[in-house]
N, C-alpha and C. Protein backbone atom coordinates (compact mmCIF):
# COMPACT_ATOMS: atom_id res chain seq x y z
N PRO A 1 10.54 36.90 -0.86
CA PRO A 1 10.26 35.46 -0.95
C PRO A 1 8.76 35.19 -0.93
N TYR A 2 8.35 34.25 -1.77
CA TYR A 2 6.93 33.89 -1.82
C TYR A 2 6.82 32.37 -1.79
N GLU A 3 6.19 31.85 -0.76
CA GLU A 3 6.06 30.40 -0.64
C GLU A 3 4.81 29.93 -1.37
N LEU A 4 4.97 28.83 -2.09
CA LEU A 4 3.87 28.33 -2.91
C LEU A 4 3.71 26.83 -2.69
N THR A 5 2.48 26.39 -2.46
CA THR A 5 2.19 24.97 -2.35
C THR A 5 1.60 24.49 -3.67
N LEU A 6 2.27 23.54 -4.29
CA LEU A 6 1.81 23.04 -5.58
C LEU A 6 0.55 22.20 -5.40
N ASN A 7 -0.28 22.17 -6.43
CA ASN A 7 -1.43 21.28 -6.42
C ASN A 7 -0.94 19.83 -6.37
N LYS A 8 -1.76 18.94 -5.83
CA LYS A 8 -1.37 17.54 -5.71
C LYS A 8 -1.19 16.89 -7.07
N LEU A 9 -0.41 15.80 -7.08
CA LEU A 9 -0.22 15.03 -8.31
C LEU A 9 -1.58 14.61 -8.86
N GLY A 10 -1.75 14.79 -10.16
CA GLY A 10 -3.01 14.40 -10.80
C GLY A 10 -4.04 15.50 -10.84
N GLU A 11 -3.86 16.55 -10.03
CA GLU A 11 -4.79 17.68 -10.08
C GLU A 11 -4.36 18.63 -11.19
N THR A 12 -5.12 19.68 -11.38
CA THR A 12 -4.79 20.65 -12.43
C THR A 12 -3.43 21.29 -12.16
N ASP A 13 -2.82 21.82 -13.23
CA ASP A 13 -1.53 22.50 -13.07
C ASP A 13 -1.66 23.65 -12.09
N THR A 14 -0.57 23.94 -11.41
CA THR A 14 -0.53 25.08 -10.49
C THR A 14 -0.25 26.34 -11.32
N ILE A 15 -1.15 27.31 -11.26
CA ILE A 15 -1.00 28.53 -12.04
C ILE A 15 -0.82 29.71 -11.10
N VAL A 16 0.23 30.49 -11.34
CA VAL A 16 0.55 31.64 -10.52
C VAL A 16 0.54 32.89 -11.39
N THR A 17 -0.17 33.92 -10.94
CA THR A 17 -0.17 35.19 -11.65
C THR A 17 0.79 36.15 -10.94
N VAL A 18 1.73 36.71 -11.71
CA VAL A 18 2.72 37.63 -11.16
C VAL A 18 2.50 39.01 -11.77
N ILE A 19 2.30 40.02 -10.93
CA ILE A 19 2.12 41.40 -11.40
C ILE A 19 3.39 42.17 -11.10
N VAL A 20 4.00 42.72 -12.16
CA VAL A 20 5.28 43.41 -12.04
C VAL A 20 5.09 44.90 -12.32
N THR A 21 5.56 45.73 -11.40
CA THR A 21 5.49 47.18 -11.58
C THR A 21 6.90 47.71 -11.80
N ALA A 22 7.06 48.54 -12.86
CA ALA A 22 8.37 49.10 -13.20
C ALA A 22 8.75 50.22 -12.23
N GLU A 23 10.01 50.72 -12.41
CA GLU A 23 10.51 51.75 -11.50
C GLU A 23 9.68 53.03 -11.53
N ASP A 24 9.04 53.29 -12.69
CA ASP A 24 8.26 54.54 -12.80
C ASP A 24 6.94 54.47 -12.05
N LYS A 25 6.67 53.31 -11.44
CA LYS A 25 5.45 53.10 -10.65
C LYS A 25 4.16 53.14 -11.47
N GLU A 26 4.32 53.25 -12.79
CA GLU A 26 3.14 53.34 -13.65
C GLU A 26 3.03 52.16 -14.61
N THR A 27 4.16 51.70 -15.10
CA THR A 27 4.15 50.59 -16.05
C THR A 27 3.94 49.28 -15.30
N VAL A 28 2.85 48.62 -15.62
CA VAL A 28 2.50 47.37 -14.93
C VAL A 28 2.30 46.27 -15.97
N LYS A 29 2.93 45.15 -15.75
CA LYS A 29 2.71 44.01 -16.65
C LYS A 29 2.33 42.79 -15.81
N GLU A 30 1.51 41.96 -16.39
CA GLU A 30 1.04 40.75 -15.70
C GLU A 30 1.55 39.51 -16.42
N TYR A 31 2.10 38.59 -15.65
CA TYR A 31 2.63 37.35 -16.21
C TYR A 31 1.94 36.15 -15.55
N THR A 32 1.72 35.12 -16.33
CA THR A 32 1.15 33.89 -15.79
C THR A 32 2.19 32.78 -15.88
N VAL A 33 2.46 32.16 -14.74
CA VAL A 33 3.42 31.06 -14.68
C VAL A 33 2.65 29.77 -14.43
N THR A 34 2.82 28.79 -15.30
CA THR A 34 2.17 27.50 -15.13
C THR A 34 3.21 26.45 -14.73
N ILE A 35 3.00 25.84 -13.58
CA ILE A 35 3.93 24.82 -13.08
C ILE A 35 3.30 23.45 -13.27
N LYS A 36 3.90 22.66 -14.15
CA LYS A 36 3.37 21.34 -14.45
C LYS A 36 4.10 20.29 -13.61
N ARG A 37 3.36 19.34 -13.08
CA ARG A 37 3.95 18.24 -12.33
C ARG A 37 3.74 16.95 -13.12
N PRO A 38 4.79 16.40 -13.70
CA PRO A 38 4.63 15.15 -14.44
C PRO A 38 4.22 14.03 -13.48
N TYR A 39 3.28 13.20 -13.91
CA TYR A 39 2.86 12.10 -13.05
C TYR A 39 2.37 10.92 -13.88
N ALA A 40 2.33 9.77 -13.24
CA ALA A 40 1.76 8.55 -13.82
C ALA A 40 0.70 8.02 -12.86
N THR A 41 -0.07 7.04 -13.31
CA THR A 41 -1.15 6.49 -12.49
C THR A 41 -0.97 4.99 -12.34
N ILE A 42 -1.12 4.52 -11.11
CA ILE A 42 -1.13 3.08 -10.83
C ILE A 42 -2.50 2.73 -10.26
N LYS A 43 -3.16 1.74 -10.84
CA LYS A 43 -4.50 1.39 -10.36
C LYS A 43 -4.70 -0.11 -10.34
N GLY A 44 -5.80 -0.54 -9.73
CA GLY A 44 -6.14 -1.95 -9.65
C GLY A 44 -7.12 -2.18 -8.52
N ASN A 45 -7.22 -3.41 -8.05
CA ASN A 45 -8.09 -3.68 -6.90
C ASN A 45 -7.61 -4.90 -6.11
N ILE A 46 -7.93 -4.89 -4.83
CA ILE A 46 -7.53 -5.96 -3.90
C ILE A 46 -8.76 -6.80 -3.56
N TYR A 47 -8.54 -8.11 -3.46
CA TYR A 47 -9.62 -9.01 -3.07
C TYR A 47 -9.17 -9.84 -1.88
N LEU A 48 -10.00 -9.91 -0.85
CA LEU A 48 -9.71 -10.71 0.34
C LEU A 48 -10.77 -11.80 0.46
N SER A 49 -10.38 -13.05 0.28
CA SER A 49 -11.36 -14.14 0.26
C SER A 49 -12.10 -14.25 1.59
N ALA A 50 -11.41 -13.95 2.70
CA ALA A 50 -12.05 -14.07 4.01
C ALA A 50 -13.12 -13.01 4.23
N MET A 51 -13.10 -11.96 3.42
CA MET A 51 -14.04 -10.85 3.59
C MET A 51 -15.13 -10.86 2.52
N SER A 52 -15.24 -11.94 1.77
CA SER A 52 -16.12 -11.97 0.61
C SER A 52 -17.58 -11.67 0.95
N LYS A 53 -18.05 -12.11 2.12
CA LYS A 53 -19.46 -11.88 2.47
C LYS A 53 -19.72 -10.42 2.82
N LYS A 54 -18.74 -9.77 3.42
CA LYS A 54 -18.92 -8.37 3.80
C LYS A 54 -18.64 -7.43 2.63
N GLY A 55 -17.78 -7.87 1.71
CA GLY A 55 -17.46 -7.05 0.55
C GLY A 55 -16.58 -5.85 0.87
N ILE A 56 -15.92 -5.86 2.03
CA ILE A 56 -15.01 -4.78 2.41
C ILE A 56 -13.58 -5.29 2.27
N TYR A 57 -12.85 -4.75 1.34
CA TYR A 57 -11.51 -5.25 1.04
C TYR A 57 -10.44 -4.19 1.29
N LYS A 58 -10.70 -3.30 2.23
CA LYS A 58 -9.77 -2.20 2.48
C LYS A 58 -8.40 -2.73 2.89
N SER A 59 -7.37 -2.26 2.21
CA SER A 59 -6.01 -2.73 2.45
C SER A 59 -5.04 -1.57 2.28
N SER A 60 -3.78 -1.85 2.56
CA SER A 60 -2.72 -0.85 2.46
C SER A 60 -1.84 -1.13 1.25
N ILE A 61 -1.40 -0.07 0.60
CA ILE A 61 -0.46 -0.19 -0.52
C ILE A 61 0.75 0.67 -0.19
N LYS A 62 1.92 0.03 -0.14
CA LYS A 62 3.15 0.75 0.15
C LYS A 62 4.01 0.75 -1.12
N ILE A 63 4.45 1.92 -1.52
CA ILE A 63 5.22 2.06 -2.76
C ILE A 63 6.64 2.51 -2.43
N PHE A 64 7.60 1.71 -2.90
CA PHE A 64 9.02 1.95 -2.64
C PHE A 64 9.75 2.23 -3.95
N LYS A 65 10.79 3.02 -3.91
CA LYS A 65 11.67 3.14 -5.07
C LYS A 65 12.46 1.84 -5.18
N SER A 66 12.48 1.26 -6.36
CA SER A 66 13.15 -0.03 -6.55
C SER A 66 14.62 0.03 -6.17
N GLU A 67 15.26 1.17 -6.44
CA GLU A 67 16.68 1.29 -6.13
C GLU A 67 16.93 1.23 -4.62
N ASP A 68 15.97 1.69 -3.83
CA ASP A 68 16.10 1.61 -2.36
C ASP A 68 15.89 0.18 -1.88
N VAL A 69 14.90 -0.49 -2.45
CA VAL A 69 14.60 -1.87 -2.05
C VAL A 69 15.78 -2.80 -2.35
N ALA A 70 16.46 -2.54 -3.47
CA ALA A 70 17.59 -3.39 -3.87
C ALA A 70 18.68 -3.44 -2.81
N LYS A 71 18.72 -2.46 -1.93
CA LYS A 71 19.73 -2.43 -0.88
C LYS A 71 19.41 -3.40 0.26
N VAL A 72 18.14 -3.81 0.38
CA VAL A 72 17.76 -4.66 1.51
C VAL A 72 17.11 -5.98 1.10
N VAL A 73 16.65 -6.08 -0.15
CA VAL A 73 15.99 -7.31 -0.62
C VAL A 73 16.52 -7.68 -2.00
N ASP A 74 16.90 -8.95 -2.17
CA ASP A 74 17.32 -9.47 -3.47
C ASP A 74 16.18 -10.31 -4.03
N TRP A 75 15.41 -9.72 -4.95
CA TRP A 75 14.23 -10.43 -5.46
C TRP A 75 14.59 -11.68 -6.27
N SER A 76 15.83 -11.78 -6.73
CA SER A 76 16.23 -12.97 -7.50
C SER A 76 16.49 -14.16 -6.59
N ASN A 77 16.50 -13.92 -5.28
CA ASN A 77 16.79 -14.99 -4.34
C ASN A 77 15.89 -14.87 -3.10
N THR A 78 14.59 -15.01 -3.34
CA THR A 78 13.64 -14.81 -2.24
C THR A 78 12.77 -16.04 -1.98
N LYS A 79 13.29 -17.21 -2.28
CA LYS A 79 12.53 -18.42 -1.96
C LYS A 79 12.37 -18.51 -0.45
N VAL A 80 11.13 -18.64 0.00
CA VAL A 80 10.85 -18.64 1.43
C VAL A 80 11.35 -19.94 2.07
N LYS A 81 12.12 -19.79 3.13
CA LYS A 81 12.60 -20.96 3.86
C LYS A 81 11.50 -21.50 4.76
N SER A 82 11.70 -22.72 5.24
CA SER A 82 10.66 -23.36 6.05
C SER A 82 10.36 -22.59 7.34
N ASN A 83 11.34 -21.82 7.80
CA ASN A 83 11.13 -21.05 9.03
C ASN A 83 10.77 -19.59 8.74
N GLY A 84 10.47 -19.29 7.47
CA GLY A 84 10.05 -17.94 7.11
C GLY A 84 11.20 -17.05 6.71
N ASP A 85 10.89 -15.78 6.44
CA ASP A 85 11.92 -14.83 6.03
C ASP A 85 11.66 -13.47 6.69
N LYS A 86 12.51 -12.50 6.35
CA LYS A 86 12.39 -11.16 6.91
C LYS A 86 12.16 -10.11 5.83
N VAL A 87 11.55 -10.53 4.72
CA VAL A 87 11.33 -9.59 3.61
C VAL A 87 10.47 -8.42 4.06
N HIS A 88 9.35 -8.71 4.72
CA HIS A 88 8.45 -7.65 5.16
C HIS A 88 9.18 -6.69 6.11
N GLU A 89 9.89 -7.26 7.05
CA GLU A 89 10.64 -6.46 8.03
C GLU A 89 11.68 -5.58 7.34
N ASN A 90 12.39 -6.15 6.36
CA ASN A 90 13.44 -5.39 5.66
C ASN A 90 12.86 -4.29 4.78
N LEU A 91 11.71 -4.56 4.17
CA LEU A 91 11.09 -3.53 3.32
C LEU A 91 10.76 -2.28 4.12
N LEU A 92 10.31 -2.47 5.35
CA LEU A 92 9.90 -1.33 6.16
C LEU A 92 11.08 -0.52 6.68
N LYS A 93 12.30 -0.95 6.37
CA LYS A 93 13.49 -0.20 6.76
C LYS A 93 13.81 0.94 5.79
N VAL A 94 13.22 0.89 4.59
CA VAL A 94 13.49 1.94 3.60
C VAL A 94 12.26 2.84 3.46
N ASP A 95 12.48 4.01 2.90
CA ASP A 95 11.40 4.98 2.75
C ASP A 95 10.33 4.47 1.79
N TYR A 96 9.09 4.83 2.07
CA TYR A 96 7.99 4.45 1.18
C TYR A 96 6.84 5.43 1.36
N LYS A 97 5.96 5.42 0.39
CA LYS A 97 4.71 6.18 0.49
C LYS A 97 3.58 5.18 0.67
N GLU A 98 2.67 5.47 1.59
CA GLU A 98 1.60 4.52 1.90
C GLU A 98 0.25 5.09 1.47
N PHE A 99 -0.55 4.24 0.88
CA PHE A 99 -1.89 4.61 0.42
C PHE A 99 -2.88 3.57 0.91
N GLN A 100 -4.14 3.95 1.03
CA GLN A 100 -5.20 3.03 1.41
C GLN A 100 -6.13 2.82 0.21
N THR A 101 -6.58 1.58 0.03
CA THR A 101 -7.57 1.33 -1.01
C THR A 101 -8.92 1.88 -0.56
N ASN A 102 -9.85 1.97 -1.48
CA ASN A 102 -11.23 2.25 -1.10
C ASN A 102 -11.79 1.02 -0.39
N ASP A 103 -12.96 1.15 0.22
CA ASP A 103 -13.55 0.02 0.94
C ASP A 103 -13.72 -1.20 0.04
N ASP A 104 -14.01 -0.99 -1.23
CA ASP A 104 -14.23 -2.13 -2.13
C ASP A 104 -12.92 -2.69 -2.70
N GLY A 105 -11.78 -2.17 -2.22
CA GLY A 105 -10.48 -2.69 -2.64
C GLY A 105 -9.87 -2.00 -3.84
N THR A 106 -10.62 -1.11 -4.49
CA THR A 106 -10.08 -0.41 -5.65
C THR A 106 -9.14 0.71 -5.21
N TYR A 107 -8.23 1.05 -6.09
CA TYR A 107 -7.31 2.16 -5.82
C TYR A 107 -6.85 2.78 -7.13
N GLU A 108 -6.51 4.04 -7.07
CA GLU A 108 -5.93 4.76 -8.20
C GLU A 108 -4.97 5.79 -7.62
N ILE A 109 -3.68 5.57 -7.84
CA ILE A 109 -2.63 6.36 -7.20
C ILE A 109 -1.89 7.19 -8.24
N LYS A 110 -1.74 8.48 -7.98
CA LYS A 110 -0.95 9.37 -8.82
C LYS A 110 0.46 9.40 -8.25
N ILE A 111 1.45 9.22 -9.11
CA ILE A 111 2.82 9.10 -8.62
C ILE A 111 3.79 9.71 -9.62
N ILE A 112 4.92 10.18 -9.11
CA ILE A 112 5.97 10.73 -9.97
C ILE A 112 6.53 9.59 -10.82
N PRO A 113 6.76 9.80 -12.12
CA PRO A 113 7.32 8.74 -12.96
C PRO A 113 8.61 8.15 -12.39
N GLY A 114 8.76 6.83 -12.52
CA GLY A 114 9.94 6.16 -11.98
C GLY A 114 9.75 4.66 -11.97
N THR A 115 10.63 3.96 -11.29
CA THR A 115 10.56 2.50 -11.16
C THR A 115 10.33 2.16 -9.70
N TYR A 116 9.29 1.38 -9.45
CA TYR A 116 8.86 1.14 -8.07
C TYR A 116 8.62 -0.34 -7.78
N ASP A 117 8.75 -0.67 -6.49
CA ASP A 117 8.29 -1.95 -5.96
C ASP A 117 7.03 -1.64 -5.15
N ILE A 118 5.99 -2.44 -5.34
CA ILE A 118 4.69 -2.15 -4.74
C ILE A 118 4.29 -3.30 -3.82
N LEU A 119 4.04 -2.97 -2.56
CA LEU A 119 3.66 -3.97 -1.57
C LEU A 119 2.19 -3.84 -1.23
N PHE A 120 1.44 -4.92 -1.43
CA PHE A 120 0.03 -4.98 -1.03
C PHE A 120 0.00 -5.65 0.34
N ASP A 121 -0.54 -4.95 1.31
CA ASP A 121 -0.34 -5.35 2.70
C ASP A 121 -1.62 -5.21 3.51
N LYS A 122 -1.88 -6.21 4.34
CA LYS A 122 -2.96 -6.13 5.32
C LYS A 122 -2.57 -7.00 6.51
N PRO A 123 -2.71 -6.49 7.73
CA PRO A 123 -2.35 -7.28 8.91
C PRO A 123 -3.04 -8.64 8.91
N GLY A 124 -2.25 -9.69 9.15
CA GLY A 124 -2.80 -11.04 9.20
C GLY A 124 -2.80 -11.75 7.86
N TYR A 125 -2.48 -11.05 6.79
CA TYR A 125 -2.52 -11.62 5.44
C TYR A 125 -1.11 -11.73 4.85
N LEU A 126 -0.93 -12.70 3.96
CA LEU A 126 0.32 -12.82 3.23
C LEU A 126 0.53 -11.60 2.34
N ASP A 127 1.75 -11.09 2.32
CA ASP A 127 2.07 -9.98 1.44
C ASP A 127 2.01 -10.42 -0.02
N LYS A 128 1.78 -9.45 -0.88
CA LYS A 128 1.95 -9.66 -2.31
C LYS A 128 2.75 -8.48 -2.83
N VAL A 129 3.75 -8.75 -3.66
CA VAL A 129 4.65 -7.69 -4.13
C VAL A 129 4.73 -7.70 -5.65
N GLU A 130 4.68 -6.52 -6.24
CA GLU A 130 4.98 -6.32 -7.65
C GLU A 130 6.30 -5.57 -7.70
N ALA A 131 7.34 -6.20 -8.24
CA ALA A 131 8.67 -5.60 -8.23
C ALA A 131 9.03 -4.96 -9.57
N SER A 132 9.81 -3.89 -9.49
CA SER A 132 10.39 -3.22 -10.66
C SER A 132 9.36 -2.84 -11.72
N LYS A 133 8.35 -2.10 -11.30
CA LYS A 133 7.34 -1.61 -12.22
C LYS A 133 7.69 -0.17 -12.62
N THR A 134 7.93 0.03 -13.91
CA THR A 134 8.32 1.36 -14.40
C THR A 134 7.11 2.06 -15.01
N VAL A 135 6.90 3.30 -14.58
CA VAL A 135 5.82 4.11 -15.14
C VAL A 135 6.41 5.43 -15.62
N ASN A 136 6.09 5.78 -16.86
CA ASN A 136 6.55 7.04 -17.45
C ASN A 136 5.46 8.09 -17.36
N GLU A 137 5.83 9.31 -17.65
CA GLU A 137 4.86 10.41 -17.59
C GLU A 137 3.64 10.11 -18.47
N GLY A 138 2.46 10.23 -17.89
CA GLY A 138 1.22 10.01 -18.63
C GLY A 138 0.77 8.57 -18.68
N ASP A 139 1.61 7.63 -18.20
CA ASP A 139 1.25 6.20 -18.21
C ASP A 139 0.16 5.91 -17.18
N THR A 140 -0.66 4.89 -17.49
CA THR A 140 -1.56 4.30 -16.50
C THR A 140 -1.24 2.82 -16.43
N LEU A 141 -0.72 2.39 -15.29
CA LEU A 141 -0.37 0.99 -15.08
C LEU A 141 -1.50 0.32 -14.31
N ASP A 142 -2.20 -0.59 -14.99
CA ASP A 142 -3.31 -1.32 -14.36
C ASP A 142 -2.78 -2.68 -13.89
N LEU A 143 -2.70 -2.86 -12.58
CA LEU A 143 -2.17 -4.10 -12.01
C LEU A 143 -3.25 -5.17 -11.82
N GLY A 144 -4.48 -4.84 -12.20
CA GLY A 144 -5.56 -5.82 -12.13
C GLY A 144 -5.92 -6.18 -10.69
N GLN A 145 -6.52 -7.35 -10.53
CA GLN A 145 -6.96 -7.79 -9.21
C GLN A 145 -5.89 -8.63 -8.52
N LYS A 146 -5.61 -8.29 -7.27
CA LYS A 146 -4.66 -9.05 -6.47
C LYS A 146 -5.38 -9.65 -5.27
N GLY A 147 -5.33 -10.95 -5.12
CA GLY A 147 -5.96 -11.61 -3.99
C GLY A 147 -4.97 -11.82 -2.86
N LEU A 148 -5.34 -11.42 -1.66
CA LEU A 148 -4.49 -11.63 -0.49
C LEU A 148 -5.05 -12.78 0.34
N LEU A 149 -4.15 -13.65 0.81
CA LEU A 149 -4.54 -14.84 1.57
C LEU A 149 -4.31 -14.62 3.06
N PHE A 150 -5.28 -15.02 3.85
CA PHE A 150 -5.19 -14.85 5.30
C PHE A 150 -4.30 -15.91 5.94
N GLY A 151 -3.60 -15.51 7.02
CA GLY A 151 -2.89 -16.51 7.81
C GLY A 151 -1.47 -16.16 8.23
N ASP A 152 -0.84 -15.21 7.55
CA ASP A 152 0.54 -14.87 7.92
C ASP A 152 0.51 -13.76 8.96
N VAL A 153 0.14 -14.11 10.17
CA VAL A 153 -0.08 -13.09 11.19
C VAL A 153 1.23 -12.48 11.70
N ASN A 154 2.35 -13.22 11.57
CA ASN A 154 3.63 -12.66 12.03
C ASN A 154 4.47 -12.10 10.87
N LYS A 155 3.92 -12.10 9.67
CA LYS A 155 4.54 -11.48 8.50
C LYS A 155 5.94 -12.01 8.20
N ASP A 156 6.09 -13.35 8.25
CA ASP A 156 7.38 -13.94 7.89
C ASP A 156 7.33 -14.63 6.53
N GLY A 157 6.26 -14.36 5.78
CA GLY A 157 6.19 -14.84 4.39
C GLY A 157 5.63 -16.22 4.20
N ILE A 158 5.13 -16.86 5.26
CA ILE A 158 4.59 -18.21 5.12
C ILE A 158 3.52 -18.45 6.19
N VAL A 159 2.45 -19.15 5.81
CA VAL A 159 1.42 -19.52 6.77
C VAL A 159 1.81 -20.88 7.34
N GLN A 160 2.14 -20.91 8.62
CA GLN A 160 2.68 -22.13 9.20
C GLN A 160 2.22 -22.30 10.65
N LEU A 161 2.83 -23.25 11.32
CA LEU A 161 2.42 -23.61 12.67
C LEU A 161 2.50 -22.44 13.65
N LYS A 162 3.51 -21.58 13.47
CA LYS A 162 3.65 -20.41 14.36
C LYS A 162 2.38 -19.57 14.34
N ASP A 163 1.81 -19.39 13.14
CA ASP A 163 0.60 -18.59 13.00
C ASP A 163 -0.60 -19.28 13.64
N ILE A 164 -0.71 -20.58 13.39
CA ILE A 164 -1.82 -21.35 13.96
C ILE A 164 -1.76 -21.32 15.49
N SER A 165 -0.53 -21.40 16.04
CA SER A 165 -0.37 -21.36 17.50
C SER A 165 -0.88 -20.04 18.06
N GLN A 166 -0.59 -18.94 17.33
CA GLN A 166 -1.02 -17.63 17.81
C GLN A 166 -2.54 -17.49 17.81
N ILE A 167 -3.19 -17.98 16.73
CA ILE A 167 -4.64 -17.85 16.67
C ILE A 167 -5.30 -18.76 17.71
N CYS A 168 -4.68 -19.92 17.98
CA CYS A 168 -5.22 -20.82 19.01
C CYS A 168 -5.17 -20.17 20.39
N ASN A 169 -4.11 -19.40 20.64
CA ASN A 169 -3.95 -18.74 21.94
C ASN A 169 -5.04 -17.68 22.19
N LEU A 170 -5.58 -17.13 21.10
CA LEU A 170 -6.59 -16.07 21.23
C LEU A 170 -7.98 -16.55 20.83
N TYR A 171 -8.10 -17.84 20.57
CA TYR A 171 -9.37 -18.39 20.10
C TYR A 171 -10.50 -18.08 21.08
N GLY A 172 -11.62 -17.60 20.55
CA GLY A 172 -12.79 -17.33 21.36
C GLY A 172 -12.87 -15.90 21.87
N LEU A 173 -11.82 -15.12 21.71
CA LEU A 173 -11.85 -13.74 22.19
C LEU A 173 -12.67 -12.85 21.25
N SER A 174 -13.29 -11.84 21.82
CA SER A 174 -14.05 -10.87 21.03
C SER A 174 -13.41 -9.50 21.16
N SER A 175 -13.88 -8.57 20.37
CA SER A 175 -13.28 -7.23 20.32
C SER A 175 -13.37 -6.49 21.66
N THR A 176 -14.20 -6.96 22.56
CA THR A 176 -14.31 -6.32 23.88
C THR A 176 -13.29 -6.88 24.88
N ASP A 177 -12.59 -7.95 24.49
CA ASP A 177 -11.58 -8.55 25.37
C ASP A 177 -10.24 -7.84 25.24
N LYS A 178 -9.50 -7.80 26.33
CA LYS A 178 -8.24 -7.06 26.39
C LYS A 178 -7.22 -7.55 25.36
N ASN A 179 -7.09 -8.85 25.20
CA ASN A 179 -6.04 -9.42 24.34
C ASN A 179 -6.49 -9.68 22.90
N TYR A 180 -7.71 -9.25 22.57
CA TYR A 180 -8.19 -9.41 21.19
C TYR A 180 -7.25 -8.74 20.21
N ASP A 181 -6.95 -9.41 19.10
CA ASP A 181 -6.05 -8.87 18.08
C ASP A 181 -6.73 -9.01 16.73
N ILE A 182 -7.01 -7.89 16.09
CA ILE A 182 -7.80 -7.91 14.85
C ILE A 182 -7.10 -8.66 13.73
N LYS A 183 -5.77 -8.75 13.77
CA LYS A 183 -5.09 -9.47 12.69
C LYS A 183 -5.34 -10.97 12.73
N MET A 184 -5.89 -11.47 13.84
CA MET A 184 -6.29 -12.89 13.93
C MET A 184 -7.74 -13.09 13.49
N ASP A 185 -8.44 -11.99 13.29
CA ASP A 185 -9.87 -12.03 12.96
C ASP A 185 -10.02 -11.84 11.46
N ALA A 186 -9.97 -12.94 10.73
CA ALA A 186 -9.89 -12.91 9.26
C ALA A 186 -11.00 -12.09 8.62
N ASN A 187 -12.24 -12.27 9.09
CA ASN A 187 -13.37 -11.56 8.47
C ASN A 187 -13.78 -10.32 9.26
N GLU A 188 -12.99 -9.99 10.28
CA GLU A 188 -13.21 -8.76 11.06
C GLU A 188 -14.66 -8.62 11.55
N ASP A 189 -15.18 -9.74 12.08
CA ASP A 189 -16.54 -9.70 12.62
C ASP A 189 -16.55 -9.51 14.13
N GLY A 190 -15.37 -9.26 14.70
CA GLY A 190 -15.29 -8.97 16.12
C GLY A 190 -15.07 -10.16 17.03
N THR A 191 -14.95 -11.37 16.46
CA THR A 191 -14.71 -12.57 17.26
C THR A 191 -13.70 -13.47 16.56
N ILE A 192 -12.73 -13.97 17.31
CA ILE A 192 -11.76 -14.92 16.76
C ILE A 192 -12.34 -16.31 16.98
N GLN A 193 -12.76 -16.93 15.89
CA GLN A 193 -13.53 -18.16 16.02
C GLN A 193 -13.16 -19.16 14.92
N LEU A 194 -14.00 -20.20 14.78
CA LEU A 194 -13.71 -21.29 13.87
C LEU A 194 -13.55 -20.83 12.42
N LYS A 195 -14.35 -19.85 12.00
CA LYS A 195 -14.25 -19.34 10.63
C LYS A 195 -12.84 -18.82 10.35
N ASP A 196 -12.29 -18.11 11.32
CA ASP A 196 -10.95 -17.55 11.15
C ASP A 196 -9.89 -18.66 11.13
N PHE A 197 -10.03 -19.61 12.05
CA PHE A 197 -9.10 -20.74 12.10
C PHE A 197 -9.15 -21.53 10.81
N SER A 198 -10.35 -21.78 10.30
CA SER A 198 -10.51 -22.55 9.06
C SER A 198 -9.89 -21.83 7.87
N GLU A 199 -10.04 -20.51 7.84
CA GLU A 199 -9.46 -19.72 6.74
C GLU A 199 -7.93 -19.83 6.76
N MET A 200 -7.37 -19.74 7.96
CA MET A 200 -5.92 -19.87 8.10
C MET A 200 -5.46 -21.27 7.72
N GLN A 201 -6.18 -22.26 8.20
CA GLN A 201 -5.80 -23.66 7.94
C GLN A 201 -5.84 -23.98 6.44
N SER A 202 -6.79 -23.38 5.74
CA SER A 202 -6.90 -23.64 4.29
C SER A 202 -5.71 -23.08 3.51
N ASN A 203 -5.01 -22.12 4.12
CA ASN A 203 -3.85 -21.52 3.46
C ASN A 203 -2.52 -22.02 4.04
N TYR A 204 -2.61 -23.04 4.90
CA TYR A 204 -1.42 -23.57 5.58
C TYR A 204 -0.40 -24.06 4.56
């Protein structure tokens, strides 16, 4: 038995050289085995309005198989109710692969061809989802720029009074305080203050 770790998706093909010696111990032949991994590319960039001055838009991208998501979320009936929903909570119940954008919000992900639901996620921000995106071998799917809005700190799909109440409870705290919560700090400057409250209020 010979264990082999394939090169990552998007890297060069994995090439293995096999040397075979015959029973006479003299006849030797060399074979080269090339293992190809079919893949597609998903790319784009994330923009966070609350972080515009710092220019750091680092966010999370979670990629789900659409067939798995269909078991827990019906995208044809996802109008958010006044008291919010559990879409985010339900999505995290199924398997997914998670990636991080670069600091400037750009990303380029190599993935096995298939049909996927893509969740753009950052604590404290409203989710954005691209559903049922199919990529074939060799495809590059450019999703363009996606803007995320601050204020959904409890991830129920709507910026509402519940969120404002939470930020008011922590208003004035800094990163050195015990109860400081970075998801309430829209621009991540280390203090929960009027700028953060105003950003949330603008998306109410």
